[in-house]
C-alpha atoms as a PDB file:
ATOM      1  CA  MET A   1     -43.803-102.891 -92.615  1.00  0.00           C
ATOM      2  CA  GLU A   2     -47.214-103.836 -91.279  1.00  0.00           C
ATOM      3  CA  THR A   3     -47.547-107.541 -90.523  1.00  0.00           C
ATOM      4  CA  LYS A   4     -50.796-109.098 -91.609  1.00  0.00           C
ATOM      5  CA  ASN A   5     -51.948-112.584 -90.690  1.00  0.00           C
ATOM      6  CA  TYR A   6     -53.036-113.904 -94.071  1.00  0.00           C
ATOM      7  CA  SER A   7     -53.358-117.494 -92.903  1.00  0.00           C
ATOM      8  CA  SER A   8     -56.499-116.822 -90.930  1.00  0.00           C
ATOM      9  CA  ASN A   9     -58.215-115.922 -94.236  1.00  0.00           C
ATOM     10  CA  SER A  10     -56.565-118.093 -96.871  1.00  0.00           C
ATOM     11  CA  GLY A  11     -55.490-121.080 -94.813  1.00  0.00           C
ATOM     12  CA  PHE A  12     -52.658-123.371 -95.866  1.00  0.00           C
ATOM     13  CA  ILE A  13     -51.748-125.736 -98.653  1.00  0.00           C
ATOM     14  CA  LEU A  14     -50.539-129.188 -97.565  1.00  0.00           C
ATOM     15  CA  LEU A  15     -47.831-130.218-100.010  1.00  0.00           C
ATOM     16  CA  GLY A  16     -48.378-133.874 -99.128  1.00  0.00           C
ATOM     17  CA  ILE A  17     -46.054-136.844 -99.099  1.00  0.00           C
ATOM     18  CA  SER A  18     -44.876-136.261-102.650  1.00  0.00           C
ATOM     19  CA  SER A  19     -45.465-133.519-105.220  1.00  0.00           C
ATOM     20  CA  ASN A  20     -44.956-135.961-108.102  1.00  0.00           C
ATOM     21  CA  PRO A  21     -48.372-136.314-109.862  1.00  0.00           C
ATOM     22  CA  GLN A  22     -47.536-139.854-110.999  1.00  0.00           C
ATOM     23  CA  LEU A  23     -47.171-141.014-107.388  1.00  0.00           C
ATOM     24  CA  GLN A  24     -50.478-139.646-106.099  1.00  0.00           C
ATOM     25  CA  LYS A  25     -52.681-142.639-106.968  1.00  0.00           C
ATOM     26  CA  PRO A  26     -50.152-145.321-105.883  1.00  0.00           C
ATOM     27  CA  LEU A  27     -49.638-143.452-102.589  1.00  0.00           C
ATOM     28  CA  PHE A  28     -53.410-143.185-102.170  1.00  0.00           C
ATOM     29  CA  ALA A  29     -53.749-146.955-102.558  1.00  0.00           C
ATOM     30  CA  ILE A  30     -50.895-147.657-100.131  1.00  0.00           C
ATOM     31  CA  PHE A  31     -52.189-145.247 -97.481  1.00  0.00           C
ATOM     32  CA  LEU A  32     -55.770-146.482 -97.845  1.00  0.00           C
ATOM     33  CA  ILE A  33     -54.669-150.088 -97.308  1.00  0.00           C
ATOM     34  CA  MET A  34     -52.500-149.110 -94.319  1.00  0.00           C
ATOM     35  CA  TYR A  35     -55.330-147.084 -92.788  1.00  0.00           C
ATOM     36  CA  MET A  36     -57.852-149.909 -93.238  1.00  0.00           C
ATOM     37  CA  VAL A  37     -55.426-152.439 -91.744  1.00  0.00           C
ATOM     38  CA  THR A  38     -54.760-150.078 -88.807  1.00  0.00           C
ATOM     39  CA  VAL A  39     -58.448-149.565 -88.017  1.00  0.00           C
ATOM     40  CA  THR A  40     -59.413-153.218 -88.549  1.00  0.00           C
ATOM     41  CA  GLY A  41     -56.496-154.595 -86.516  1.00  0.00           C
ATOM     42  CA  ASN A  42     -56.971-152.258 -83.579  1.00  0.00           C
ATOM     43  CA  VAL A  43     -60.756-152.738 -83.541  1.00  0.00           C
ATOM     44  CA  LEU A  44     -60.236-156.516 -83.415  1.00  0.00           C
ATOM     45  CA  ILE A  45     -57.741-156.165 -80.547  1.00  0.00           C
ATOM     46  CA  THR A  46     -60.185-153.969 -78.605  1.00  0.00           C
ATOM     47  CA  LEU A  47     -63.155-156.294 -79.214  1.00  0.00           C
ATOM     48  CA  ALA A  48     -61.121-159.393 -78.339  1.00  0.00           C
ATOM     49  CA  ILE A  49     -60.042-157.899 -75.021  1.00  0.00           C
ATOM     50  CA  HIS A  50     -63.546-156.796 -74.075  1.00  0.00           C
ATOM     51  CA  SER A  51     -65.132-160.120 -75.105  1.00  0.00           C
ATOM     52  CA  ASP A  52     -62.741-162.385 -73.149  1.00  0.00           C
ATOM     53  CA  SER A  53     -63.020-162.084 -69.362  1.00  0.00           C
ATOM     54  CA  ARG A  54     -59.557-163.641 -68.967  1.00  0.00           C
ATOM     55  CA  LEU A  55     -58.120-160.555 -70.680  1.00  0.00           C
ATOM     56  CA  HIS A  56     -59.694-158.151 -68.192  1.00  0.00           C
ATOM     57  CA  THR A  57     -56.347-157.367 -66.562  1.00  0.00           C
ATOM     58  CA  PRO A  58     -54.460-154.062 -66.192  1.00  0.00           C
ATOM     59  CA  MET A  59     -52.060-154.859 -69.067  1.00  0.00           C
ATOM     60  CA  TYR A  60     -54.882-155.533 -71.511  1.00  0.00           C
ATOM     61  CA  PHE A  61     -56.896-152.614 -70.151  1.00  0.00           C
ATOM     62  CA  PHE A  62     -54.059-150.315 -71.234  1.00  0.00           C
ATOM     63  CA  LEU A  63     -53.606-152.229 -74.504  1.00  0.00           C
ATOM     64  CA  SER A  64     -57.277-151.824 -75.447  1.00  0.00           C
ATOM     65  CA  ASN A  65     -57.040-148.087 -74.762  1.00  0.00           C
ATOM     66  CA  LEU A  66     -53.793-147.916 -76.743  1.00  0.00           C
ATOM     67  CA  SER A  67     -55.573-149.572 -79.686  1.00  0.00           C
ATOM     68  CA  PHE A  68     -58.480-147.121 -79.426  1.00  0.00           C
ATOM     69  CA  THR A  69     -56.070-144.175 -79.239  1.00  0.00           C
ATOM     70  CA  ASP A  70     -54.154-145.478 -82.266  1.00  0.00           C
ATOM     71  CA  ILE A  71     -57.390-145.537 -84.282  1.00  0.00           C
ATOM     72  CA  CYS A  72     -58.136-141.916 -83.301  1.00  0.00           C
ATOM     73  CA  PHE A  73     -54.489-140.909 -83.814  1.00  0.00           C
ATOM     74  CA  THR A  74     -54.395-142.233 -87.384  1.00  0.00           C
ATOM     75  CA  THR A  75     -57.905-140.988 -88.219  1.00  0.00           C
ATOM     76  CA  VAL A  76     -56.848-137.406 -87.406  1.00  0.00           C
ATOM     77  CA  ILE A  77     -54.363-137.563 -90.295  1.00  0.00           C
ATOM     78  CA  ALA A  78     -55.256-140.318 -92.776  1.00  0.00           C
ATOM     79  CA  PRO A  79     -58.636-139.151 -94.221  1.00  0.00           C
ATOM     80  CA  LYS A  80     -57.324-135.653 -95.013  1.00  0.00           C
ATOM     81  CA  THR A  81     -54.117-137.114 -96.443  1.00  0.00           C
ATOM     82  CA  LEU A  82     -56.118-139.508 -98.641  1.00  0.00           C
ATOM     83  CA  ALA A  83     -58.406-136.706 -99.833  1.00  0.00           C
ATOM     84  CA  ASN A  84     -55.442-134.468-100.695  1.00  0.00           C
ATOM     85  CA  LEU A  85     -53.779-137.245-102.701  1.00  0.00           C
ATOM     86  CA  LEU A  86     -56.762-137.139-105.085  1.00  0.00           C
ATOM     87  CA  SER A  87     -57.308-133.375-104.909  1.00  0.00           C
ATOM     88  CA  GLU A  88     -55.595-130.614-106.853  1.00  0.00           C
ATOM     89  CA  THR A  89     -56.051-127.881-104.239  1.00  0.00           C
ATOM     90  CA  LYS A  90     -54.790-129.728-101.101  1.00  0.00           C
ATOM     91  CA  ALA A  91     -56.084-126.832 -99.016  1.00  0.00           C
ATOM     92  CA  ILE A  92     -56.781-126.769 -95.289  1.00  0.00           C
ATOM     93  CA  SER A  93     -58.244-123.814 -93.414  1.00  0.00           C
ATOM     94  CA  PHE A  94     -56.326-122.079 -90.642  1.00  0.00           C
ATOM     95  CA  VAL A  95     -58.818-123.303 -88.021  1.00  0.00           C
ATOM     96  CA  GLY A  96     -58.822-126.786 -89.561  1.00  0.00           C
ATOM     97  CA  CYS A  97     -55.043-126.866 -89.356  1.00  0.00           C
ATOM     98  CA  LEU A  98     -55.064-125.932 -85.661  1.00  0.00           C
ATOM     99  CA  VAL A  99     -57.792-128.498 -84.914  1.00  0.00           C
ATOM    100  CA  GLN A 100     -55.793-131.214 -86.678  1.00  0.00           C
ATOM    101  CA  MET A 101     -52.659-130.178 -84.791  1.00  0.00           C
ATOM    102  CA  TYR A 102     -54.527-130.231 -81.468  1.00  0.00           C
ATOM    103  CA  PHE A 103     -55.976-133.722 -81.797  1.00  0.00           C
ATOM    104  CA  PHE A 104     -52.819-135.117 -83.389  1.00  0.00           C
ATOM    105  CA  MET A 105     -50.708-134.045 -80.406  1.00  0.00           C
ATOM    106  CA  ALA A 106     -53.374-135.054 -77.886  1.00  0.00           C
ATOM    107  CA  PHE A 107     -53.600-138.632 -79.173  1.00  0.00           C
ATOM    108  CA  ALA A 108     -49.846-138.924 -79.799  1.00  0.00           C
ATOM    109  CA  ASN A 109     -49.070-137.897 -76.216  1.00  0.00           C
ATOM    110  CA  THR A 110     -51.786-140.178 -74.862  1.00  0.00           C
ATOM    111  CA  ASP A 111     -50.089-143.018 -76.751  1.00  0.00           C
ATOM    112  CA  SER A 112     -46.828-142.078 -75.060  1.00  0.00           C
ATOM    113  CA  TYR A 113     -48.316-142.072 -71.554  1.00  0.00           C
ATOM    114  CA  LEU A 114     -50.163-145.341 -72.165  1.00  0.00           C
ATOM    115  CA  LEU A 115     -46.873-146.974 -73.172  1.00  0.00           C
ATOM    116  CA  ALA A 116     -45.406-145.685 -69.889  1.00  0.00           C
ATOM    117  CA  SER A 117     -48.401-147.084 -67.973  1.00  0.00           C
ATOM    118  CA  MET A 118     -47.842-150.472 -69.594  1.00  0.00           C
ATOM    119  CA  ALA A 119     -44.172-150.350 -68.585  1.00  0.00           C
ATOM    120  CA  ILE A 120     -45.189-149.642 -64.982  1.00  0.00           C
ATOM    121  CA  ASP A 121     -47.589-152.588 -65.163  1.00  0.00           C
ATOM    122  CA  ARG A 122     -44.747-154.908 -66.272  1.00  0.00           C
ATOM    123  CA  LEU A 123     -42.499-153.467 -63.554  1.00  0.00           C
ATOM    124  CA  VAL A 124     -45.000-154.305 -60.816  1.00  0.00           C
ATOM    125  CA  ALA A 125     -45.822-157.727 -62.314  1.00  0.00           C
ATOM    126  CA  ILE A 126     -42.157-158.814 -62.464  1.00  0.00           C
ATOM    127  CA  CYS A 127     -40.574-156.983 -59.528  1.00  0.00           C
ATOM    128  CA  ASN A 128     -43.451-157.091 -57.049  1.00  0.00           C
ATOM    129  CA  PRO A 129     -45.780-159.926 -58.160  1.00  0.00           C
ATOM    130  CA  PHE A 130     -47.260-160.652 -54.707  1.00  0.00           C
ATOM    131  CA  HIS A 131     -48.661-157.118 -54.463  1.00  0.00           C
ATOM    132  CA  TYR A 132     -49.639-156.825 -58.136  1.00  0.00           C
ATOM    133  CA  ASP A 133     -53.417-156.974 -57.621  1.00  0.00           C
ATOM    134  CA  MET A 134     -53.245-154.424 -54.824  1.00  0.00           C
ATOM    135  CA  VAL A 135     -50.960-151.969 -56.659  1.00  0.00           C
ATOM    136  CA  MET A 136     -52.540-152.249 -60.116  1.00  0.00           C
ATOM    137  CA  ASN A 137     -56.141-152.154 -58.927  1.00  0.00           C
ATOM    138  CA  PRO A 138     -58.937-150.975 -61.284  1.00  0.00           C
ATOM    139  CA  ARG A 139     -59.213-147.565 -59.622  1.00  0.00           C
ATOM    140  CA  ARG A 140     -55.490-146.852 -60.021  1.00  0.00           C
ATOM    141  CA  CYS A 141     -55.529-148.021 -63.638  1.00  0.00           C
ATOM    142  CA  LEU A 142     -58.447-145.708 -64.385  1.00  0.00           C
ATOM    143  CA  LEU A 143     -56.657-142.784 -62.715  1.00  0.00           C
ATOM    144  CA  MET A 144     -53.547-143.495 -64.803  1.00  0.00           C
ATOM    145  CA  LEU A 145     -55.670-143.446 -67.970  1.00  0.00           C
ATOM    146  CA  LEU A 146     -57.455-140.217 -67.013  1.00  0.00           C
ATOM    147  CA  GLY A 147     -54.149-138.614 -66.054  1.00  0.00           C
ATOM    148  CA  SER A 148     -52.660-139.575 -69.434  1.00  0.00           C
ATOM    149  CA  CYS A 149     -55.579-138.015 -71.314  1.00  0.00           C
ATOM    150  CA  THR A 150     -55.689-134.853 -69.190  1.00  0.00           C
ATOM    151  CA  ILE A 151     -51.971-134.063 -69.451  1.00  0.00           C
ATOM    152  CA  SER A 152     -52.000-134.766 -73.200  1.00  0.00           C
ATOM    153  CA  HIS A 153     -54.941-132.467 -73.907  1.00  0.00           C
ATOM    154  CA  LEU A 154     -53.550-129.647 -71.757  1.00  0.00           C
ATOM    155  CA  HIS A 155     -50.253-129.890 -73.643  1.00  0.00           C
ATOM    156  CA  SER A 156     -52.101-129.771 -76.988  1.00  0.00           C
ATOM    157  CA  LEU A 157     -54.141-126.762 -75.893  1.00  0.00           C
ATOM    158  CA  LEU A 158     -50.992-124.859 -74.894  1.00  0.00           C
ATOM    159  CA  ARG A 159     -49.308-125.654 -78.220  1.00  0.00           C
ATOM    160  CA  VAL A 160     -52.305-124.625 -80.320  1.00  0.00           C
ATOM    161  CA  LEU A 161     -52.768-121.361 -78.394  1.00  0.00           C
ATOM    162  CA  LEU A 162     -49.101-120.591 -79.021  1.00  0.00           C
ATOM    163  CA  MET A 163     -49.377-121.333 -82.752  1.00  0.00           C
ATOM    164  CA  SER A 164     -52.605-119.356 -83.126  1.00  0.00           C
ATOM    165  CA  ARG A 165     -50.848-116.142 -82.065  1.00  0.00           C
ATOM    166  CA  LEU A 166     -48.109-116.355 -84.702  1.00  0.00           C
ATOM    167  CA  PRO A 167     -48.359-114.231 -87.883  1.00  0.00           C
ATOM    168  CA  PHE A 168     -48.128-116.096 -91.207  1.00  0.00           C
ATOM    169  CA  CYS A 169     -47.570-113.568 -93.957  1.00  0.00           C
ATOM    170  CA  ALA A 170     -45.208-115.268 -96.406  1.00  0.00           C
ATOM    171  CA  SER A 171     -45.588-118.671 -98.010  1.00  0.00           C
ATOM    172  CA  HIS A 172     -48.636-120.646 -96.911  1.00  0.00           C
ATOM    173  CA  VAL A 173     -47.431-123.990 -98.326  1.00  0.00           C
ATOM    174  CA  ILE A 174     -46.817-126.559 -95.589  1.00  0.00           C
ATOM    175  CA  LYS A 175     -44.157-128.990 -96.785  1.00  0.00           C
ATOM    176  CA  HIS A 176     -45.753-131.907 -95.024  1.00  0.00           C
ATOM    177  CA  PHE A 177     -48.836-134.133 -95.291  1.00  0.00           C
ATOM    178  CA  PHE A 178     -50.478-132.742 -92.129  1.00  0.00           C
ATOM    179  CA  CYS A 179     -50.262-129.734 -89.815  1.00  0.00           C
ATOM    180  CA  ASP A 180     -47.308-130.545 -87.594  1.00  0.00           C
ATOM    181  CA  THR A 181     -45.513-128.014 -85.399  1.00  0.00           C
ATOM    182  CA  GLN A 182     -42.122-127.759 -87.127  1.00  0.00           C
ATOM    183  CA  PRO A 183     -43.268-127.232 -90.743  1.00  0.00           C
ATOM    184  CA  VAL A 184     -45.945-124.734 -89.635  1.00  0.00           C
ATOM    185  CA  LEU A 185     -43.454-122.807 -87.488  1.00  0.00           C
ATOM    186  CA  LYS A 186     -41.182-122.416 -90.524  1.00  0.00           C
ATOM    187  CA  LEU A 187     -43.932-120.448 -92.303  1.00  0.00           C
ATOM    188  CA  SER A 188     -44.182-117.713 -89.677  1.00  0.00           C
ATOM    189  CA  CYS A 189     -42.720-114.375 -90.729  1.00  0.00           C
ATOM    190  CA  SER A 190     -41.983-113.386 -87.115  1.00  0.00           C
ATOM    191  CA  ASP A 191     -39.035-114.324 -84.946  1.00  0.00           C
ATOM    192  CA  THR A 192     -39.951-117.815 -83.737  1.00  0.00           C
ATOM    193  CA  SER A 193     -36.908-118.359 -81.504  1.00  0.00           C
ATOM    194  CA  SER A 194     -38.905-117.847 -78.301  1.00  0.00           C
ATOM    195  CA  SER A 195     -41.702-120.060 -79.647  1.00  0.00           C
ATOM    196  CA  GLN A 196     -39.149-122.743 -80.501  1.00  0.00           C
ATOM    197  CA  ILE A 197     -37.796-122.637 -76.948  1.00  0.00           C
ATOM    198  CA  VAL A 198     -41.297-122.980 -75.488  1.00  0.00           C
ATOM    199  CA  VAL A 199     -42.170-125.795 -77.905  1.00  0.00           C
ATOM    200  CA  MET A 200     -38.923-127.656 -77.224  1.00  0.00           C
ATOM    201  CA  THR A 201     -39.232-127.219 -73.442  1.00  0.00           C
ATOM    202  CA  GLU A 202     -42.805-128.394 -73.065  1.00  0.00           C
ATOM    203  CA  THR A 203     -42.295-131.164 -75.636  1.00  0.00           C
ATOM    204  CA  LEU A 204     -39.279-132.329 -73.662  1.00  0.00           C
ATOM    205  CA  ALA A 205     -41.354-132.324 -70.478  1.00  0.00           C
ATOM    206  CA  VAL A 206     -44.329-134.163 -71.951  1.00  0.00           C
ATOM    207  CA  ILE A 207     -42.446-136.695 -74.097  1.00  0.00           C
ATOM    208  CA  ALA A 208     -39.353-137.238 -71.935  1.00  0.00           C
ATOM    209  CA  THR A 209     -41.325-137.879 -68.742  1.00  0.00           C
ATOM    210  CA  PRO A 210     -43.029-141.092 -69.943  1.00  0.00           C
ATOM    211  CA  PHE A 211     -39.899-142.111 -71.870  1.00  0.00           C
ATOM    212  CA  LEU A 212     -37.728-141.839 -68.753  1.00  0.00           C
ATOM    213  CA  CYS A 213     -40.419-143.701 -66.827  1.00  0.00           C
ATOM    214  CA  ILE A 214     -40.157-146.531 -69.367  1.00  0.00           C
ATOM    215  CA  LEU A 215     -36.347-146.571 -69.154  1.00  0.00           C
ATOM    216  CA  PHE A 216     -36.429-146.652 -65.341  1.00  0.00           C
ATOM    217  CA  SER A 217     -39.049-149.420 -65.353  1.00  0.00           C
ATOM    218  CA  TYR A 218     -37.052-151.639 -67.679  1.00  0.00           C
ATOM    219  CA  LEU A 219     -33.813-150.973 -65.831  1.00  0.00           C
ATOM    220  CA  ARG A 220     -35.507-152.278 -62.664  1.00  0.00           C
ATOM    221  CA  ILE A 221     -36.956-155.204 -64.621  1.00  0.00           C
ATOM    222  CA  ILE A 222     -33.552-156.163 -66.060  1.00  0.00           C
ATOM    223  CA  ILE A 223     -31.933-156.044 -62.623  1.00  0.00           C
ATOM    224  CA  THR A 224     -34.699-158.224 -61.181  1.00  0.00           C
ATOM    225  CA  VAL A 225     -34.664-160.725 -64.044  1.00  0.00           C
ATOM    226  CA  LEU A 226     -30.879-161.127 -63.917  1.00  0.00           C
ATOM    227  CA  ARG A 227     -31.266-162.320 -60.322  1.00  0.00           C
ATOM    228  CA  ILE A 228     -33.489-165.210 -61.429  1.00  0.00           C
ATOM    229  CA  PRO A 229     -31.304-168.339 -61.252  1.00  0.00           C
ATOM    230  CA  SER A 230     -32.811-170.364 -64.100  1.00  0.00           C
ATOM    231  CA  ALA A 231     -32.533-169.469 -67.781  1.00  0.00           C
ATOM    232  CA  ALA A 232     -36.138-170.589 -68.316  1.00  0.00           C
ATOM    233  CA  GLY A 233     -37.317-168.214 -65.601  1.00  0.00           C
ATOM    234  CA  LYS A 234     -35.410-165.323 -67.155  1.00  0.00           C
ATOM    235  CA  TRP A 235     -36.844-166.055 -70.594  1.00  0.00           C
ATOM    236  CA  LYS A 236     -40.391-166.287 -69.233  1.00  0.00           C
ATOM    237  CA  ALA A 237     -40.055-162.908 -67.499  1.00  0.00           C
ATOM    238  CA  PHE A 238     -38.521-161.178 -70.519  1.00  0.00           C
ATOM    239  CA  SER A 239     -41.038-162.723 -72.950  1.00  0.00           C
ATOM    240  CA  THR A 240     -43.873-160.762 -71.315  1.00  0.00           C
ATOM    241  CA  CYS A 241     -42.080-157.516 -72.242  1.00  0.00           C
ATOM    242  CA  GLY A 242     -41.002-158.261 -75.825  1.00  0.00           C
ATOM    243  CA  SER A 243     -44.055-156.864 -77.627  1.00  0.00           C
ATOM    244  CA  HIS A 244     -44.129-153.717 -75.522  1.00  0.00           C
ATOM    245  CA  LEU A 245     -40.408-153.036 -76.056  1.00  0.00           C
ATOM    246  CA  THR A 246     -40.812-153.414 -79.828  1.00  0.00           C
ATOM    247  CA  VAL A 247     -43.618-150.844 -79.934  1.00  0.00           C
ATOM    248  CA  VAL A 248     -41.670-148.471 -77.657  1.00  0.00           C
ATOM    249  CA  ALA A 249     -38.602-148.676 -79.917  1.00  0.00           C
ATOM    250  CA  LEU A 250     -40.638-147.951 -83.084  1.00  0.00           C
ATOM    251  CA  PHE A 251     -42.642-145.113 -81.551  1.00  0.00           C
ATOM    252  CA  TYR A 252     -39.956-143.262 -79.598  1.00  0.00           C
ATOM    253  CA  GLY A 253     -37.219-143.807 -82.162  1.00  0.00           C
ATOM    254  CA  SER A 254     -39.088-141.836 -84.822  1.00  0.00           C
ATOM    255  CA  VAL A 255     -40.566-139.282 -82.370  1.00  0.00           C
ATOM    256  CA  ILE A 256     -37.152-138.392 -80.919  1.00  0.00           C
ATOM    257  CA  TYR A 257     -35.686-138.058 -84.420  1.00  0.00           C
ATOM    258  CA  VAL A 258     -38.445-135.696 -85.584  1.00  0.00           C
ATOM    259  CA  TYR A 259     -38.986-133.456 -82.557  1.00  0.00           C
ATOM    260  CA  PHE A 260     -35.784-133.255 -80.552  1.00  0.00           C
ATOM    261  CA  ARG A 261     -33.752-131.310 -83.077  1.00  0.00           C
ATOM    262  CA  PRO A 262     -33.410-127.579 -83.774  1.00  0.00           C
ATOM    263  CA  LEU A 263     -35.722-126.128 -86.430  1.00  0.00           C
ATOM    264  CA  SER A 264     -32.643-125.359 -88.573  1.00  0.00           C
ATOM    265  CA  MET A 265     -32.008-129.106 -88.926  1.00  0.00           C
ATOM    266  CA  TYR A 266     -35.528-129.806 -90.167  1.00  0.00           C
ATOM    267  CA  SER A 267     -35.432-131.912 -93.354  1.00  0.00           C
ATOM    268  CA  VAL A 268     -38.614-132.216 -95.415  1.00  0.00           C
ATOM    269  CA  VAL A 269     -37.968-135.640 -96.955  1.00  0.00           C
ATOM    270  CA  LYS A 270     -36.356-137.331 -93.944  1.00  0.00           C
ATOM    271  CA  ASP A 271     -38.934-135.975 -91.504  1.00  0.00           C
ATOM    272  CA  ARG A 272     -41.813-137.114 -93.711  1.00  0.00           C
ATOM    273  CA  VAL A 273     -40.462-140.660 -93.680  1.00  0.00           C
ATOM    274  CA  ALA A 274     -39.917-140.632 -89.899  1.00  0.00           C
ATOM    275  CA  THR A 275     -43.364-139.118 -89.317  1.00  0.00           C
ATOM    276  CA  VAL A 276     -45.053-141.769 -91.473  1.00  0.00           C
ATOM    277  CA  MET A 277     -43.309-144.355 -89.284  1.00  0.00           C
ATOM    278  CA  TYR A 278     -44.954-143.306 -86.011  1.00  0.00           C
ATOM    279  CA  THR A 279     -48.225-141.888 -87.374  1.00  0.00           C
ATOM    280  CA  VAL A 280     -49.174-144.738 -89.716  1.00  0.00           C
ATOM    281  CA  VAL A 281     -46.756-147.675 -89.619  1.00  0.00           C
ATOM    282  CA  THR A 282     -46.504-148.136 -85.827  1.00  0.00           C
ATOM    283  CA  PRO A 283     -50.298-148.018 -85.194  1.00  0.00           C
ATOM    284  CA  MET A 284     -50.718-150.493 -88.059  1.00  0.00           C
ATOM    285  CA  LEU A 285     -48.094-152.894 -86.662  1.00  0.00           C
ATOM    286  CA  ASN A 286     -49.248-152.734 -83.022  1.00  0.00           C
ATOM    287  CA  PRO A 287     -52.040-155.337 -83.397  1.00  0.00           C
ATOM    288  CA  PHE A 288     -49.648-157.761 -85.103  1.00  0.00           C
ATOM    289  CA  ILE A 289     -46.872-157.191 -82.570  1.00  0.00           C
ATOM    290  CA  TYR A 290     -49.184-157.768 -79.614  1.00  0.00           C
ATOM    291  CA  SER A 291     -51.022-160.764 -81.083  1.00  0.00           C
ATOM    292  CA  LEU A 292     -48.526-162.876 -83.041  1.00  0.00           C
ATOM    293  CA  ARG A 293     -46.424-163.886 -80.011  1.00  0.00           C
ATOM    294  CA  ASN A 294     -49.085-163.539 -77.344  1.00  0.00           C
ATOM    295  CA  LYS A 295     -51.009-166.729 -76.528  1.00  0.00           C
ATOM    296  CA  ASP A 296     -53.641-164.864 -74.498  1.00  0.00           C
ATOM    297  CA  MET A 297     -54.386-162.497 -77.376  1.00  0.00           C
ATOM    298  CA  LYS A 298     -54.521-165.369 -79.879  1.00  0.00           C
ATOM    299  CA  ARG A 299     -57.032-167.122 -77.630  1.00  0.00           C
ATOM    300  CA  GLY A 300     -59.084-163.942 -77.328  1.00  0.00           C
ATOM    301  CA  LEU A 301     -59.096-163.416 -81.108  1.00  0.00           C
ATOM    302  CA  ARG A 302     -60.140-167.036 -81.688  1.00  0.00           C
ATOM    303  CA  LYS A 303     -62.970-166.604 -79.178  1.00  0.00           C
ATOM    304  CA  LEU A 304     -64.057-163.411 -80.939  1.00  0.00           C
ATOM    305  CA  ARG A 305     -63.956-165.187 -84.318  1.00  0.00           C
ATOM    306  CA  ASP A 306     -65.981-168.136 -83.007  1.00  0.00           C
ATOM    307  CA  GLY A 307     -68.507-165.757 -81.479  1.00  0.00           C
ATOM    308  CA  ILE A 308     -68.937-163.925 -84.802  1.00  0.00           C
ATOM    309  CA  HIS A 309     -69.352-167.173 -86.772  1.00  0.00           C
ATOM    310  CA  SER A 310     -71.852-168.592 -84.298  1.00  0.00           C
END
């Protein structure tokens, strides 16, 4: 039988978060509020860091870029999801799907590498404080940021080129609220076993590398902190890592659950919930996590507020 790639002409249908018509408007309201909170919170964090010279340090340099990336990351998905919740067609073109997939993976991986960069920053600050300024100099921080972006975009380009060559000749309904790799792969009418191996291998390389970097960094930090004789000293050292560890746990917990399983174990409902966690919930919570227990950030936000009122 001749295989024809219908998707390049007709595109896909995004099933969305729920197919229940009665839930569309409540879900629209919830997602709109979450998206607005995400954008507002991360914009405030970015502005506060740039407006307070005392926050011009490597840690806050990476945090401001993490906030900016979170805004882009969520914006790749949220507007289309919101539009589809009020639309009857829920259609997305084949090219539009690949573009969404590209930028989604690029920003998600940049998030991952920025979290690793922040872990390295804490490692140097706690384990080698006397050489902190020399090691984490502005040039090195900029190179770490550029490296994070470059690797992430190359990974996204490889994934999209791979997906663009697959034939889609059966169902064109994506059982998800955006174009993610696993649900799109399930629609291909060809043997995707080799594609799955490639996807799993390069995903493992790109995601596991920063994750292992974070684990190694915190293992070194724990060993160093345990050598501190006073309990107050230990608490002070660990307190600088609490916010970062919380974000890492939320982000990587859901990412590992979604992507590091065989395609045969893919579950529509469970994967939607886990995906919402790291695509919407974690970017929304980041500003609160980094500001509620951080005196420097609270001071920066107060300064930003006073500057706006004046």
